[in-house]
């Protein structure tokens, strides 16, 4: 049974439990109301297609977390993506355009805002990867704004973090031109990222109002 939940005016949120093989599989789907774009949790039937996307050098050249991966290591990683734990340690999603799988997005890491055992708010590291053929059409922006909003609304995050490297000109343009965020430069992290953006809930509420979106307190 699918449950439709009230959401922001630019996307719709569905969740259900489906039988996959012999197990119940939690399915969460986020659908844009303005573009033929859907974000959802990975299904076993997606693994082959997504593996090929993640092995394509054109897709992963700016993401050192997967750029040197093997089919075996990717397969293991994707199995972990299908495990939706409570509390969530990650929230990885596939990206579909008109029903065709073209990439992935979501939160590859969810954890405390600060290094502490309990009592801290939670943050999420957000990313986006799309096949070259669908870039430059607004799908990356739409995917990110849906994930950001969902992160604050349903995952109770206090911060959303986006990182990339200096060579990823397209991502920097997206974060600065479309979202109007200032970059924070720093030392390279373990994935080679030295450009960082931090989005906090108060800023997002203000941005959403300015963009004409419903806000969290206007459901």
N, C-alpha and C. Protein backbone atom coordinates (compact mmCIF):
# COMPACT_ATOMS: atom_id res chain seq x y z
N UNK A 1 0.85 -1.20 0.00
CA UNK A 1 0.00 0.00 0.00
C UNK A 1 0.88 1.25 0.00
N UNK A 2 0.58 2.18 -0.89
CA UNK A 2 1.36 3.39 -1.01
C UNK A 2 0.69 4.51 -0.22
N UNK A 3 1.46 5.20 0.57
CA UNK A 3 0.97 6.33 1.35
C UNK A 3 1.52 7.61 0.77
N UNK A 4 0.63 8.53 0.39
CA UNK A 4 1.06 9.83 -0.11
C UNK A 4 1.06 10.81 1.05
N UNK A 5 2.17 11.48 1.24
CA UNK A 5 2.33 12.40 2.37
C UNK A 5 2.36 13.83 1.86
N UNK A 6 1.85 14.78 2.62
CA UNK A 6 1.94 16.18 2.21
C UNK A 6 3.39 16.61 2.11
N UNK A 7 3.72 17.36 1.08
CA UNK A 7 5.11 17.77 0.86
C UNK A 7 5.13 19.18 0.32
N UNK A 8 6.31 19.67 0.02
CA UNK A 8 6.44 20.98 -0.58
C UNK A 8 5.77 20.98 -1.94
N UNK A 9 5.41 22.18 -2.43
CA UNK A 9 4.65 22.23 -3.66
C UNK A 9 5.43 21.83 -4.89
N UNK A 10 6.74 21.64 -4.79
CA UNK A 10 7.50 21.29 -5.99
C UNK A 10 7.82 19.81 -6.09
N UNK A 11 7.44 19.01 -5.11
CA UNK A 11 7.64 17.56 -5.22
C UNK A 11 6.62 16.81 -4.36
N UNK A 12 6.50 15.52 -4.63
CA UNK A 12 5.58 14.65 -3.91
C UNK A 12 6.36 13.49 -3.31
N UNK A 13 5.97 13.09 -2.13
CA UNK A 13 6.67 12.05 -1.38
C UNK A 13 5.76 10.84 -1.21
N UNK A 14 6.27 9.68 -1.63
CA UNK A 14 5.55 8.42 -1.46
C UNK A 14 6.43 7.44 -0.69
N UNK A 15 5.82 6.59 0.09
CA UNK A 15 6.56 5.51 0.74
C UNK A 15 5.69 4.28 0.78
N UNK A 16 6.32 3.11 0.72
CA UNK A 16 5.60 1.85 0.77
C UNK A 16 6.55 0.74 1.16
N UNK A 17 5.99 -0.41 1.48
CA UNK A 17 6.76 -1.63 1.69
C UNK A 17 6.43 -2.58 0.56
N UNK A 18 7.46 -3.00 -0.18
CA UNK A 18 7.27 -3.91 -1.30
C UNK A 18 7.96 -5.24 -1.00
N UNK A 19 7.44 -6.30 -1.60
CA UNK A 19 8.08 -7.59 -1.47
C UNK A 19 9.15 -7.72 -2.54
N UNK A 20 10.39 -7.81 -2.12
CA UNK A 20 11.51 -7.99 -3.04
C UNK A 20 12.17 -9.30 -2.68
N UNK A 21 12.11 -10.25 -3.61
CA UNK A 21 12.55 -11.61 -3.32
C UNK A 21 11.74 -12.12 -2.13
N UNK A 22 12.40 -12.47 -1.04
CA UNK A 22 11.67 -13.00 0.12
C UNK A 22 11.57 -11.98 1.25
N UNK A 23 12.04 -10.75 1.01
CA UNK A 23 12.09 -9.75 2.07
C UNK A 23 11.16 -8.57 1.76
N UNK A 24 10.76 -7.89 2.81
CA UNK A 24 10.05 -6.64 2.64
C UNK A 24 11.07 -5.54 2.38
N UNK A 25 10.83 -4.75 1.35
CA UNK A 25 11.78 -3.72 0.95
C UNK A 25 11.11 -2.37 1.07
N UNK A 26 11.68 -1.47 1.85
CA UNK A 26 11.12 -0.14 2.02
C UNK A 26 11.42 0.70 0.79
N UNK A 27 10.37 1.25 0.19
CA UNK A 27 10.53 2.09 -0.98
C UNK A 27 10.11 3.50 -0.65
N UNK A 28 10.98 4.45 -0.87
CA UNK A 28 10.68 5.87 -0.71
C UNK A 28 10.91 6.53 -2.05
N UNK A 29 9.91 7.27 -2.52
CA UNK A 29 9.98 7.91 -3.83
C UNK A 29 9.68 9.39 -3.68
N UNK A 30 10.53 10.21 -4.29
CA UNK A 30 10.35 11.66 -4.31
C UNK A 30 10.21 12.07 -5.78
N UNK A 31 9.08 12.63 -6.14
CA UNK A 31 8.80 12.95 -7.55
C UNK A 31 8.64 14.45 -7.74
N UNK A 32 9.36 14.99 -8.69
CA UNK A 32 9.23 16.41 -9.02
C UNK A 32 7.85 16.69 -9.60
N UNK A 33 7.27 17.81 -9.24
CA UNK A 33 6.00 18.23 -9.80
C UNK A 33 6.17 19.14 -11.01
N UNK A 34 7.42 19.44 -11.37
CA UNK A 34 7.67 20.33 -12.50
C UNK A 34 8.50 19.70 -13.62
N UNK A 35 9.22 18.63 -13.32
CA UNK A 35 10.05 17.94 -14.31
C UNK A 35 9.76 16.44 -14.25
N UNK A 36 10.03 15.70 -15.34
CA UNK A 36 9.80 14.25 -15.33
C UNK A 36 10.90 13.51 -14.57
N UNK A 37 11.11 13.91 -13.33
CA UNK A 37 12.23 13.42 -12.52
C UNK A 37 11.72 12.74 -11.26
N UNK A 38 12.30 11.58 -10.96
CA UNK A 38 11.95 10.81 -9.77
C UNK A 38 13.22 10.39 -9.06
N UNK A 39 13.22 10.50 -7.75
CA UNK A 39 14.28 9.99 -6.89
C UNK A 39 13.68 8.89 -6.04
N UNK A 40 14.36 7.75 -5.96
CA UNK A 40 13.85 6.68 -5.10
C UNK A 40 15.00 5.81 -4.62
N UNK A 41 14.68 5.02 -3.59
CA UNK A 41 15.66 4.08 -3.05
C UNK A 41 15.96 3.00 -4.09
N UNK A 42 17.19 2.58 -4.12
CA UNK A 42 17.66 1.56 -5.07
C UNK A 42 16.91 0.25 -4.90
N UNK A 43 16.55 -0.37 -6.04
CA UNK A 43 15.96 -1.70 -6.06
C UNK A 43 16.96 -2.68 -6.67
N UNK A 44 16.85 -3.96 -6.36
CA UNK A 44 17.78 -4.93 -6.96
C UNK A 44 17.85 -4.86 -8.48
N UNK A 45 16.73 -4.55 -9.12
CA UNK A 45 16.70 -4.48 -10.58
C UNK A 45 17.49 -3.29 -11.13
N UNK A 46 17.87 -2.34 -10.28
CA UNK A 46 18.64 -1.17 -10.72
C UNK A 46 20.14 -1.41 -10.70
N UNK A 47 20.59 -2.45 -10.02
CA UNK A 47 22.01 -2.59 -9.73
C UNK A 47 22.88 -2.66 -10.98
N UNK A 48 22.46 -3.42 -11.97
CA UNK A 48 23.26 -3.57 -13.18
C UNK A 48 23.44 -2.23 -13.89
N UNK A 49 22.35 -1.49 -14.08
CA UNK A 49 22.43 -0.20 -14.77
C UNK A 49 23.26 0.80 -13.99
N UNK A 50 23.03 0.88 -12.68
CA UNK A 50 23.76 1.86 -11.88
C UNK A 50 25.24 1.51 -11.79
N UNK A 51 25.56 0.23 -11.79
CA UNK A 51 26.96 -0.17 -11.78
C UNK A 51 27.68 0.35 -13.02
N UNK A 52 27.05 0.23 -14.18
CA UNK A 52 27.65 0.73 -15.41
C UNK A 52 27.83 2.25 -15.37
N UNK A 53 26.87 2.96 -14.79
CA UNK A 53 26.98 4.41 -14.65
C UNK A 53 28.17 4.77 -13.76
N UNK A 54 28.33 4.03 -12.66
CA UNK A 54 29.40 4.31 -11.71
C UNK A 54 30.77 3.85 -12.19
N UNK A 55 30.81 3.05 -13.24
CA UNK A 55 32.08 2.63 -13.82
C UNK A 55 32.51 3.51 -14.99
N UNK A 56 31.64 4.41 -15.44
CA UNK A 56 31.93 5.28 -16.58
C UNK A 56 32.82 6.43 -16.12
N UNK A 57 34.05 6.53 -16.64
CA UNK A 57 34.96 7.61 -16.21
C UNK A 57 34.37 9.01 -16.37
N UNK A 58 33.51 9.21 -17.36
CA UNK A 58 32.91 10.52 -17.58
C UNK A 58 32.00 10.93 -16.43
N UNK A 59 31.50 9.93 -15.70
CA UNK A 59 30.59 10.22 -14.59
C UNK A 59 31.31 10.38 -13.27
N UNK A 60 32.43 9.72 -13.08
CA UNK A 60 33.05 9.66 -11.75
C UNK A 60 34.39 10.40 -11.66
N UNK A 61 34.77 11.10 -12.71
CA UNK A 61 36.08 11.77 -12.70
C UNK A 61 36.20 12.80 -11.59
N UNK A 62 35.07 13.36 -11.14
CA UNK A 62 35.11 14.36 -10.07
C UNK A 62 34.68 13.79 -8.72
N UNK A 63 34.58 12.48 -8.63
CA UNK A 63 34.16 11.84 -7.38
C UNK A 63 35.14 10.73 -7.03
N UNK A 64 36.14 11.06 -6.23
CA UNK A 64 37.17 10.08 -5.89
C UNK A 64 36.67 8.98 -4.98
N UNK A 65 35.46 9.14 -4.42
CA UNK A 65 34.92 8.08 -3.56
C UNK A 65 34.59 6.83 -4.36
N UNK A 66 34.38 6.99 -5.68
CA UNK A 66 34.06 5.82 -6.52
C UNK A 66 34.91 5.74 -7.77
N UNK A 67 35.77 6.72 -8.03
CA UNK A 67 36.48 6.77 -9.31
C UNK A 67 37.42 5.59 -9.54
N UNK A 68 37.90 4.97 -8.46
CA UNK A 68 38.80 3.83 -8.61
C UNK A 68 38.15 2.52 -8.20
N UNK A 69 36.83 2.48 -8.22
CA UNK A 69 36.11 1.30 -7.76
C UNK A 69 36.11 0.20 -8.81
N UNK A 70 35.91 -1.02 -8.35
CA UNK A 70 35.76 -2.18 -9.22
C UNK A 70 34.29 -2.59 -9.24
N UNK A 71 33.89 -3.40 -10.22
CA UNK A 71 32.49 -3.88 -10.22
C UNK A 71 32.13 -4.57 -8.90
N UNK A 72 33.08 -5.28 -8.32
CA UNK A 72 32.80 -6.00 -7.06
C UNK A 72 32.57 -5.02 -5.91
N UNK A 73 33.42 -3.98 -5.81
CA UNK A 73 33.27 -3.03 -4.71
C UNK A 73 32.01 -2.19 -4.88
N UNK A 74 31.66 -1.88 -6.12
CA UNK A 74 30.43 -1.14 -6.37
C UNK A 74 29.22 -1.99 -6.00
N UNK A 75 29.26 -3.27 -6.36
CA UNK A 75 28.16 -4.16 -6.01
C UNK A 75 27.93 -4.23 -4.51
N UNK A 76 29.02 -4.30 -3.76
CA UNK A 76 28.91 -4.33 -2.30
C UNK A 76 28.33 -3.02 -1.77
N UNK A 77 28.79 -1.91 -2.33
CA UNK A 77 28.29 -0.60 -1.91
C UNK A 77 26.80 -0.47 -2.18
N UNK A 78 26.35 -0.93 -3.34
CA UNK A 78 24.93 -0.79 -3.70
C UNK A 78 24.05 -1.68 -2.83
N UNK A 79 24.56 -2.81 -2.39
CA UNK A 79 23.80 -3.63 -1.45
C UNK A 79 23.56 -2.85 -0.15
N UNK A 80 24.55 -2.09 0.28
CA UNK A 80 24.40 -1.27 1.48
C UNK A 80 23.38 -0.16 1.27
N UNK A 81 23.31 0.37 0.05
CA UNK A 81 22.35 1.44 -0.23
C UNK A 81 20.91 0.98 -0.03
N UNK A 82 20.64 -0.29 -0.25
CA UNK A 82 19.27 -0.79 -0.14
C UNK A 82 18.85 -1.04 1.31
N UNK A 83 19.80 -0.98 2.22
CA UNK A 83 19.51 -1.20 3.63
C UNK A 83 19.19 0.13 4.30
N UNK A 84 17.91 0.41 4.49
CA UNK A 84 17.48 1.66 5.11
C UNK A 84 17.35 1.43 6.60
N UNK A 85 18.34 1.88 7.35
CA UNK A 85 18.39 1.62 8.79
C UNK A 85 17.71 2.74 9.56
N UNK A 86 17.46 2.48 10.84
CA UNK A 86 16.93 3.50 11.75
C UNK A 86 17.80 3.55 12.99
N UNK A 87 18.39 4.71 13.33
CA UNK A 87 18.38 5.94 12.54
C UNK A 87 19.19 5.78 11.27
N UNK A 88 18.89 6.58 10.29
CA UNK A 88 19.57 6.47 9.00
C UNK A 88 21.04 6.87 9.11
N UNK A 89 21.90 6.05 8.53
CA UNK A 89 23.32 6.38 8.41
C UNK A 89 23.62 6.89 7.01
N UNK A 90 22.69 6.68 6.08
CA UNK A 90 22.80 7.16 4.70
C UNK A 90 21.40 7.16 4.11
N UNK A 91 21.24 7.88 3.01
CA UNK A 91 19.96 7.90 2.30
C UNK A 91 20.26 8.09 0.82
N UNK A 92 20.75 7.02 0.19
CA UNK A 92 21.15 7.07 -1.21
C UNK A 92 19.95 6.81 -2.11
N UNK A 93 19.87 7.54 -3.21
CA UNK A 93 18.74 7.46 -4.12
C UNK A 93 19.21 7.34 -5.56
N UNK A 94 18.43 6.65 -6.38
CA UNK A 94 18.68 6.67 -7.82
C UNK A 94 17.87 7.79 -8.43
N UNK A 95 18.36 8.30 -9.57
CA UNK A 95 17.68 9.38 -10.29
C UNK A 95 17.12 8.81 -11.58
N UNK A 96 15.82 9.01 -11.79
CA UNK A 96 15.17 8.56 -13.01
C UNK A 96 14.56 9.75 -13.73
N UNK A 97 14.72 9.79 -15.04
CA UNK A 97 14.10 10.81 -15.88
C UNK A 97 13.19 10.10 -16.87
N UNK A 98 11.92 10.41 -16.80
CA UNK A 98 10.91 9.72 -17.62
C UNK A 98 11.02 8.21 -17.47
N UNK A 99 11.35 7.76 -16.26
CA UNK A 99 11.41 6.33 -15.96
C UNK A 99 12.74 5.67 -16.24
N UNK A 100 13.69 6.40 -16.83
CA UNK A 100 15.01 5.83 -17.16
C UNK A 100 16.03 6.22 -16.11
N UNK A 101 16.75 5.24 -15.58
CA UNK A 101 17.76 5.50 -14.56
C UNK A 101 18.96 6.19 -15.19
N UNK A 102 19.30 7.39 -14.69
CA UNK A 102 20.36 8.19 -15.30
C UNK A 102 21.43 8.63 -14.31
N UNK A 103 21.32 8.23 -13.04
CA UNK A 103 22.32 8.66 -12.07
C UNK A 103 21.89 8.39 -10.65
N UNK A 104 22.52 9.08 -9.72
CA UNK A 104 22.22 8.87 -8.31
C UNK A 104 22.41 10.17 -7.55
N UNK A 105 21.75 10.25 -6.41
CA UNK A 105 21.84 11.42 -5.55
C UNK A 105 21.60 10.96 -4.12
N UNK A 106 21.27 11.90 -3.25
CA UNK A 106 20.98 11.56 -1.86
C UNK A 106 22.15 11.81 -0.93
N UNK A 107 22.00 11.30 0.28
CA UNK A 107 22.97 11.53 1.35
C UNK A 107 23.83 10.29 1.55
N UNK A 108 25.10 10.40 1.18
CA UNK A 108 26.01 9.27 1.33
C UNK A 108 26.46 9.05 2.75
N UNK A 109 26.24 10.06 3.59
CA UNK A 109 26.58 9.96 5.02
C UNK A 109 25.60 10.81 5.80
N UNK A 110 25.12 10.28 6.92
CA UNK A 110 24.31 11.03 7.87
C UNK A 110 24.86 10.75 9.26
N UNK A 111 25.14 11.80 10.02
CA UNK A 111 25.71 11.61 11.35
C UNK A 111 25.63 12.89 12.15
N UNK A 112 26.27 12.92 13.32
CA UNK A 112 26.21 14.11 14.18
C UNK A 112 26.83 15.33 13.51
N UNK A 113 26.24 16.49 13.79
CA UNK A 113 26.80 17.74 13.31
C UNK A 113 28.21 17.92 13.86
N UNK A 114 28.39 17.59 15.15
CA UNK A 114 29.69 17.67 15.79
C UNK A 114 30.09 16.29 16.28
N UNK A 115 31.34 16.15 16.65
CA UNK A 115 31.83 14.87 17.15
C UNK A 115 31.38 14.68 18.60
N UNK A 116 30.27 14.03 18.77
CA UNK A 116 29.77 13.73 20.11
C UNK A 116 28.90 12.48 20.02
N UNK A 117 28.69 11.81 21.14
CA UNK A 117 27.99 10.54 21.14
C UNK A 117 26.48 10.71 21.11
N UNK A 118 25.94 11.72 21.80
CA UNK A 118 24.50 11.91 21.83
C UNK A 118 24.18 13.37 22.12
N UNK A 119 22.94 13.74 21.79
CA UNK A 119 22.50 15.10 22.06
C UNK A 119 22.84 16.11 20.99
N UNK A 120 23.50 15.67 19.93
CA UNK A 120 23.87 16.59 18.85
C UNK A 120 22.83 16.49 17.72
N UNK A 121 22.68 17.57 16.99
CA UNK A 121 21.88 17.51 15.79
C UNK A 121 22.58 16.67 14.73
N UNK A 122 21.85 16.37 13.66
CA UNK A 122 22.41 15.51 12.63
C UNK A 122 22.61 16.28 11.33
N UNK A 123 23.65 15.89 10.61
CA UNK A 123 24.00 16.50 9.33
C UNK A 123 24.03 15.41 8.26
N UNK A 124 23.92 15.82 7.01
CA UNK A 124 23.99 14.87 5.91
C UNK A 124 24.87 15.39 4.79
N UNK A 125 25.67 14.50 4.19
CA UNK A 125 26.53 14.86 3.06
C UNK A 125 25.79 14.51 1.76
N UNK A 126 25.46 15.54 0.99
CA UNK A 126 24.62 15.40 -0.20
C UNK A 126 25.46 15.45 -1.47
N UNK A 127 25.09 14.63 -2.44
CA UNK A 127 25.79 14.63 -3.72
C UNK A 127 24.84 14.36 -4.87
N UNK A 128 25.35 14.50 -6.08
CA UNK A 128 24.56 14.25 -7.29
C UNK A 128 25.50 13.78 -8.40
N UNK A 129 25.08 12.78 -9.15
CA UNK A 129 25.84 12.30 -10.30
C UNK A 129 24.84 11.96 -11.40
N UNK A 130 25.02 12.57 -12.57
CA UNK A 130 24.12 12.34 -13.70
C UNK A 130 24.92 12.00 -14.95
N UNK A 131 24.33 11.16 -15.80
CA UNK A 131 24.94 10.88 -17.09
C UNK A 131 25.12 12.19 -17.89
N UNK A 132 26.20 12.29 -18.68
CA UNK A 132 26.45 13.54 -19.43
C UNK A 132 25.29 13.96 -20.32
N UNK A 133 24.55 13.01 -20.86
CA UNK A 133 23.47 13.34 -21.80
C UNK A 133 22.29 14.07 -21.20
N UNK A 134 22.17 14.07 -19.88
CA UNK A 134 21.02 14.75 -19.25
C UNK A 134 21.45 15.95 -18.42
N UNK A 135 22.71 16.32 -18.51
CA UNK A 135 23.19 17.47 -17.75
C UNK A 135 22.80 18.78 -18.44
N UNK A 136 22.79 19.85 -17.66
CA UNK A 136 22.48 21.17 -18.21
C UNK A 136 21.02 21.40 -18.51
N UNK A 137 20.13 20.58 -17.94
CA UNK A 137 18.69 20.70 -18.21
C UNK A 137 17.88 20.94 -16.93
N UNK A 138 18.57 21.23 -15.85
CA UNK A 138 17.88 21.54 -14.61
C UNK A 138 17.64 20.35 -13.70
N UNK A 139 18.04 19.16 -14.11
CA UNK A 139 17.77 17.98 -13.30
C UNK A 139 18.64 17.92 -12.04
N UNK A 140 19.86 18.37 -12.13
CA UNK A 140 20.73 18.35 -10.94
C UNK A 140 20.20 19.31 -9.88
N UNK A 141 19.83 20.51 -10.30
CA UNK A 141 19.27 21.49 -9.36
C UNK A 141 18.00 20.95 -8.72
N UNK A 142 17.12 20.39 -9.54
CA UNK A 142 15.86 19.86 -9.01
C UNK A 142 16.11 18.72 -8.03
N UNK A 143 17.04 17.83 -8.36
CA UNK A 143 17.36 16.71 -7.47
C UNK A 143 17.89 17.21 -6.13
N UNK A 144 18.79 18.17 -6.19
CA UNK A 144 19.40 18.67 -4.96
C UNK A 144 18.39 19.41 -4.09
N UNK A 145 17.54 20.24 -4.70
CA UNK A 145 16.62 20.99 -3.85
C UNK A 145 15.57 20.08 -3.23
N UNK A 146 15.19 19.01 -3.93
CA UNK A 146 14.27 18.04 -3.33
C UNK A 146 14.94 17.34 -2.16
N UNK A 147 16.18 16.90 -2.35
CA UNK A 147 16.90 16.21 -1.28
C UNK A 147 17.14 17.13 -0.08
N UNK A 148 17.50 18.38 -0.34
CA UNK A 148 17.74 19.31 0.76
C UNK A 148 16.46 19.49 1.57
N UNK A 149 15.36 19.73 0.88
CA UNK A 149 14.10 19.95 1.58
C UNK A 149 13.67 18.70 2.36
N UNK A 150 13.80 17.55 1.73
CA UNK A 150 13.44 16.30 2.40
C UNK A 150 14.34 16.05 3.60
N UNK A 151 15.61 16.41 3.47
CA UNK A 151 16.53 16.24 4.59
C UNK A 151 16.09 17.02 5.81
N UNK A 152 15.64 18.25 5.60
CA UNK A 152 15.18 19.07 6.73
C UNK A 152 13.79 18.65 7.20
N UNK A 153 12.91 18.32 6.26
CA UNK A 153 11.51 18.03 6.62
C UNK A 153 11.33 16.66 7.27
N UNK A 154 11.92 15.64 6.65
CA UNK A 154 11.63 14.27 7.07
C UNK A 154 12.79 13.57 7.78
N UNK A 155 14.01 13.95 7.47
CA UNK A 155 15.16 13.31 8.11
C UNK A 155 15.65 14.08 9.32
N UNK A 156 15.02 15.22 9.60
CA UNK A 156 15.33 16.04 10.78
C UNK A 156 16.79 16.47 10.84
N UNK A 157 17.37 16.75 9.67
CA UNK A 157 18.75 17.23 9.64
C UNK A 157 18.80 18.70 10.05
N UNK A 158 19.93 19.09 10.61
CA UNK A 158 20.18 20.49 10.92
C UNK A 158 21.12 21.13 9.92
N UNK A 159 21.93 20.30 9.25
CA UNK A 159 22.86 20.79 8.24
C UNK A 159 22.85 19.84 7.05
N UNK A 160 22.97 20.42 5.87
CA UNK A 160 23.22 19.66 4.65
C UNK A 160 24.54 20.15 4.08
N UNK A 161 25.46 19.22 3.83
CA UNK A 161 26.80 19.57 3.37
C UNK A 161 27.01 19.05 1.95
N UNK A 162 27.58 19.90 1.11
CA UNK A 162 27.91 19.53 -0.27
C UNK A 162 29.38 19.84 -0.49
N UNK A 163 30.11 18.89 -1.06
CA UNK A 163 31.54 19.08 -1.30
C UNK A 163 31.92 18.58 -2.68
N UNK A 164 32.94 19.20 -3.27
CA UNK A 164 33.50 18.74 -4.53
C UNK A 164 34.92 19.27 -4.63
N UNK A 165 35.55 19.04 -5.77
CA UNK A 165 36.92 19.54 -5.97
C UNK A 165 36.92 20.72 -6.93
N UNK A 166 38.03 21.44 -6.96
CA UNK A 166 38.12 22.66 -7.75
C UNK A 166 37.90 22.41 -9.24
N UNK A 167 38.15 21.20 -9.69
CA UNK A 167 37.98 20.90 -11.10
C UNK A 167 36.54 20.73 -11.54
N UNK A 168 35.62 20.61 -10.59
CA UNK A 168 34.22 20.39 -10.91
C UNK A 168 33.52 21.74 -11.07
N UNK A 169 33.75 22.36 -12.21
CA UNK A 169 33.22 23.70 -12.48
C UNK A 169 31.70 23.71 -12.49
N UNK A 170 31.10 22.66 -13.03
CA UNK A 170 29.64 22.61 -13.13
C UNK A 170 28.99 22.60 -11.74
N UNK A 171 29.55 21.82 -10.82
CA UNK A 171 28.98 21.75 -9.48
C UNK A 171 29.14 23.09 -8.76
N UNK A 172 30.27 23.70 -8.92
CA UNK A 172 30.48 24.99 -8.27
C UNK A 172 29.49 26.02 -8.81
N UNK A 173 29.29 26.01 -10.12
CA UNK A 173 28.33 26.93 -10.71
C UNK A 173 26.92 26.68 -10.21
N UNK A 174 26.56 25.41 -10.05
CA UNK A 174 25.23 25.06 -9.55
C UNK A 174 25.03 25.60 -8.14
N UNK A 175 25.99 25.36 -7.26
CA UNK A 175 25.84 25.76 -5.86
C UNK A 175 25.87 27.28 -5.69
N UNK A 176 26.69 27.96 -6.50
CA UNK A 176 26.84 29.41 -6.34
C UNK A 176 25.81 30.20 -7.15
N UNK A 177 25.58 29.79 -8.41
CA UNK A 177 24.66 30.55 -9.26
C UNK A 177 23.20 30.22 -8.97
N UNK A 178 22.88 28.94 -8.81
CA UNK A 178 21.48 28.57 -8.62
C UNK A 178 21.03 28.68 -7.17
N UNK A 179 21.90 28.29 -6.23
CA UNK A 179 21.53 28.37 -4.82
C UNK A 179 22.03 29.65 -4.14
N UNK A 180 22.97 30.34 -4.78
CA UNK A 180 23.48 31.58 -4.20
C UNK A 180 24.34 31.38 -2.97
N UNK A 181 25.00 30.25 -2.87
CA UNK A 181 25.82 29.94 -1.69
C UNK A 181 27.28 30.31 -1.92
N UNK A 182 27.93 30.74 -0.86
CA UNK A 182 29.36 31.05 -0.92
C UNK A 182 30.16 29.80 -0.57
N UNK A 183 31.21 29.56 -1.33
CA UNK A 183 32.03 28.37 -1.11
C UNK A 183 32.97 28.57 0.06
N UNK A 184 33.22 27.48 0.77
CA UNK A 184 34.22 27.46 1.83
C UNK A 184 35.37 26.59 1.35
N UNK A 185 36.52 27.20 1.13
CA UNK A 185 37.68 26.45 0.66
C UNK A 185 38.47 25.91 1.84
N UNK A 186 39.01 24.72 1.68
CA UNK A 186 39.77 24.13 2.75
C UNK A 186 40.73 23.07 2.24
N UNK A 187 41.33 22.33 3.13
CA UNK A 187 42.22 21.24 2.75
C UNK A 187 41.39 20.12 2.12
N UNK A 188 42.02 19.36 1.26
CA UNK A 188 41.33 18.25 0.62
C UNK A 188 40.94 17.20 1.65
N UNK A 189 39.70 16.72 1.53
CA UNK A 189 39.27 15.64 2.41
C UNK A 189 39.71 14.30 1.82
N UNK A 190 39.23 13.21 2.40
CA UNK A 190 39.67 11.87 1.97
C UNK A 190 39.25 11.55 0.54
N UNK A 191 38.28 12.32 0.00
CA UNK A 191 37.82 12.08 -1.36
C UNK A 191 38.34 13.13 -2.35
N UNK A 192 39.29 13.95 -1.90
CA UNK A 192 39.87 14.95 -2.77
C UNK A 192 39.07 16.22 -2.91
N UNK A 193 38.06 16.41 -2.08
CA UNK A 193 37.22 17.60 -2.15
C UNK A 193 37.84 18.75 -1.35
N UNK A 194 37.96 19.91 -2.00
CA UNK A 194 38.47 21.07 -1.30
C UNK A 194 37.53 22.27 -1.39
N UNK A 195 36.34 22.08 -1.96
CA UNK A 195 35.29 23.10 -2.00
C UNK A 195 34.10 22.57 -1.20
N UNK A 196 33.60 23.39 -0.28
CA UNK A 196 32.54 22.92 0.62
C UNK A 196 31.47 23.99 0.77
N UNK A 197 30.22 23.53 0.83
CA UNK A 197 29.09 24.40 1.11
C UNK A 197 28.28 23.78 2.25
N UNK A 198 27.85 24.59 3.19
CA UNK A 198 27.04 24.12 4.31
C UNK A 198 25.70 24.86 4.28
N UNK A 199 24.62 24.09 4.24
CA UNK A 199 23.27 24.64 4.22
C UNK A 199 22.62 24.33 5.56
N UNK A 200 22.13 25.36 6.22
CA UNK A 200 21.46 25.17 7.51
C UNK A 200 19.97 25.48 7.36
N UNK A 201 19.19 24.89 8.23
CA UNK A 201 17.74 24.97 8.09
C UNK A 201 17.20 26.40 8.01
N UNK A 202 17.63 27.34 8.89
CA UNK A 202 17.10 28.71 8.77
C UNK A 202 17.36 29.33 7.40
N UNK A 203 18.55 29.08 6.86
CA UNK A 203 18.87 29.61 5.53
C UNK A 203 17.94 29.00 4.49
N UNK A 204 17.71 27.69 4.58
CA UNK A 204 16.86 27.01 3.60
C UNK A 204 15.43 27.54 3.64
N UNK A 205 14.90 27.79 4.83
CA UNK A 205 13.55 28.33 4.93
C UNK A 205 13.45 29.69 4.24
N UNK A 206 14.45 30.51 4.44
CA UNK A 206 14.46 31.83 3.80
C UNK A 206 14.58 31.70 2.28
N UNK A 207 15.46 30.80 1.83
CA UNK A 207 15.64 30.58 0.40
C UNK A 207 14.34 30.06 -0.22
N UNK A 208 13.69 29.10 0.46
CA UNK A 208 12.46 28.52 -0.05
C UNK A 208 11.37 29.58 -0.21
N UNK A 209 11.26 30.46 0.77
CA UNK A 209 10.26 31.53 0.68
C UNK A 209 10.57 32.46 -0.49
N UNK A 210 11.84 32.80 -0.64
CA UNK A 210 12.23 33.69 -1.73
C UNK A 210 11.97 33.06 -3.11
N UNK A 211 12.06 31.74 -3.18
CA UNK A 211 11.84 31.02 -4.43
C UNK A 211 10.37 30.69 -4.66
N UNK A 212 9.51 31.06 -3.71
CA UNK A 212 8.09 30.80 -3.85
C UNK A 212 7.66 29.40 -3.48
N UNK A 213 8.51 28.68 -2.75
CA UNK A 213 8.14 27.35 -2.29
C UNK A 213 7.41 27.46 -0.95
N UNK A 214 6.56 26.48 -0.67
CA UNK A 214 6.00 26.37 0.66
C UNK A 214 7.14 26.10 1.64
N UNK A 215 7.04 26.56 2.87
CA UNK A 215 8.07 26.33 3.86
C UNK A 215 7.61 25.29 4.87
N UNK A 216 8.55 24.82 5.67
CA UNK A 216 8.27 23.73 6.60
C UNK A 216 7.11 24.04 7.54
N UNK A 217 6.98 25.30 7.95
CA UNK A 217 5.93 25.65 8.90
C UNK A 217 4.65 26.09 8.19
N UNK A 218 4.56 25.82 6.88
CA UNK A 218 3.37 26.19 6.12
C UNK A 218 2.69 24.96 5.52
N UNK A 219 2.95 23.75 6.07
CA UNK A 219 2.34 22.54 5.52
C UNK A 219 0.83 22.60 5.68
